[in-house]
């Protein structure tokens, strides 16, 4: 989700800057990017710049809408306090 969000908000960026922006080591980020690329969610150009595909832009919109519809409606109970004697 962080990869999608960063690319959606900041646009295409090189792999090193993307890894830094999402808070992962370069090697770990490259594994996620390879997985996303194999599913045509991102494109990595010849210069090493990563951008979202149209498919991933739609995924981002769907995820955000899901969060708004379901997560924002969650109500968490107040913290229970213990009676002190």
Protein backbone atom coordinates (compact mmCIF):
# COMPACT_ATOMS: atom_id res chain seq x y z
CA UNK A 1 0.00 0.00 0.00
CA UNK A 2 2.84 2.41 0.80
CA UNK A 3 4.33 1.95 -2.66
CA UNK A 4 1.00 2.68 -4.32
CA UNK A 5 0.36 5.70 -2.09
CA UNK A 6 3.80 7.27 -2.61
CA UNK A 7 3.68 6.83 -6.38
CA UNK A 8 0.12 8.12 -6.53
CA UNK A 9 0.90 11.21 -4.46
CA UNK A 10 4.43 12.00 -5.70
CA UNK A 11 4.43 10.58 -9.22
CA UNK A 12 7.15 8.51 -10.89
CA UNK A 13 10.46 8.28 -9.06
CA UNK A 14 13.65 6.31 -9.23
CA UNK A 15 13.91 3.05 -7.32
CA UNK A 16 16.33 4.34 -4.69
CA UNK A 17 14.19 7.34 -3.79
CA UNK A 18 11.08 5.15 -3.73
CA UNK A 19 12.71 2.67 -1.35
CA UNK A 20 13.63 5.56 0.94
CA UNK A 21 10.15 7.11 0.71
CA UNK A 22 8.44 3.86 1.71
CA UNK A 23 10.91 3.12 4.50
CA UNK A 24 12.32 -0.15 3.18
CA UNK A 25 15.81 -1.30 2.34
CA UNK A 26 16.60 -1.16 -1.36
CA UNK A 27 16.76 -4.98 -1.62
CA UNK A 28 13.40 -5.48 0.11
CA UNK A 29 11.76 -2.76 -1.99
CA UNK A 30 13.07 -4.38 -5.19
CA UNK A 31 11.36 -7.65 -4.24
CA UNK A 32 8.02 -5.85 -3.86
CA UNK A 33 8.56 -3.94 -7.09
CA UNK A 34 9.39 -7.13 -8.99
CA UNK A 35 6.19 -8.72 -7.68
CA UNK A 36 4.11 -5.66 -8.60
CA UNK A 37 5.73 -5.45 -12.03
CA UNK A 38 4.97 -9.12 -12.75
CA UNK A 39 1.30 -8.34 -12.07
CA UNK A 40 1.37 -5.23 -14.26
CA UNK A 41 0.67 -2.87 -11.37
CA UNK A 42 3.80 -0.78 -12.01
CA UNK A 43 6.19 -0.09 -14.85
CA UNK A 44 9.93 0.33 -14.35
CA UNK A 45 11.42 2.16 -17.32
CA UNK A 46 14.93 1.82 -18.77
CA UNK A 47 16.19 4.63 -16.52
CA UNK A 48 14.96 2.89 -13.35
CA UNK A 49 11.95 5.13 -12.81
CA UNK A 50 8.86 3.49 -11.35
CA UNK A 51 5.34 4.58 -12.19
CA UNK A 52 1.87 3.24 -11.60
CA UNK A 53 -0.07 1.66 -14.40
CA UNK A 54 -3.70 2.53 -14.98
CA UNK A 55 -4.59 -0.75 -13.26
CA UNK A 56 -2.78 0.32 -10.08
CA UNK A 57 -4.33 3.80 -10.14
CA UNK A 58 -7.71 2.04 -10.08
CA UNK A 59 -6.48 -0.20 -7.25
CA UNK A 60 -5.47 2.87 -5.24
CA UNK A 61 -8.88 4.48 -5.72
CA UNK A 62 -10.64 1.25 -4.71
CA UNK A 63 -8.53 0.87 -1.56
CA UNK A 64 -9.08 4.46 -0.49
CA UNK A 65 -12.83 4.11 -1.03
CA UNK A 66 -12.86 0.88 0.99
CA UNK A 67 -11.06 2.57 3.88
CA UNK A 68 -13.49 5.50 3.79
CA UNK A 69 -16.52 3.20 3.67
CA UNK A 70 -15.50 0.66 6.28
CA UNK A 71 -12.56 1.69 8.41
CA UNK A 72 -13.75 5.22 9.07
CA UNK A 73 -16.96 3.76 10.50
CA UNK A 74 -15.24 1.68 13.13
CA UNK A 75 -15.85 2.76 16.66
CA UNK A 76 -13.37 1.70 19.27
CA UNK A 77 -14.48 1.31 22.87
CA UNK A 78 -13.17 3.75 25.38
CA UNK A 79 -10.30 2.54 27.42
CA UNK A 80 -11.56 0.60 30.37
CA UNK A 81 -10.52 1.98 33.72
CA UNK A 82 -10.08 -0.21 36.72
CA UNK A 83 -11.81 0.70 39.92
CA UNK A 84 -9.30 1.62 42.55
CA UNK A 85 -10.04 0.83 46.14
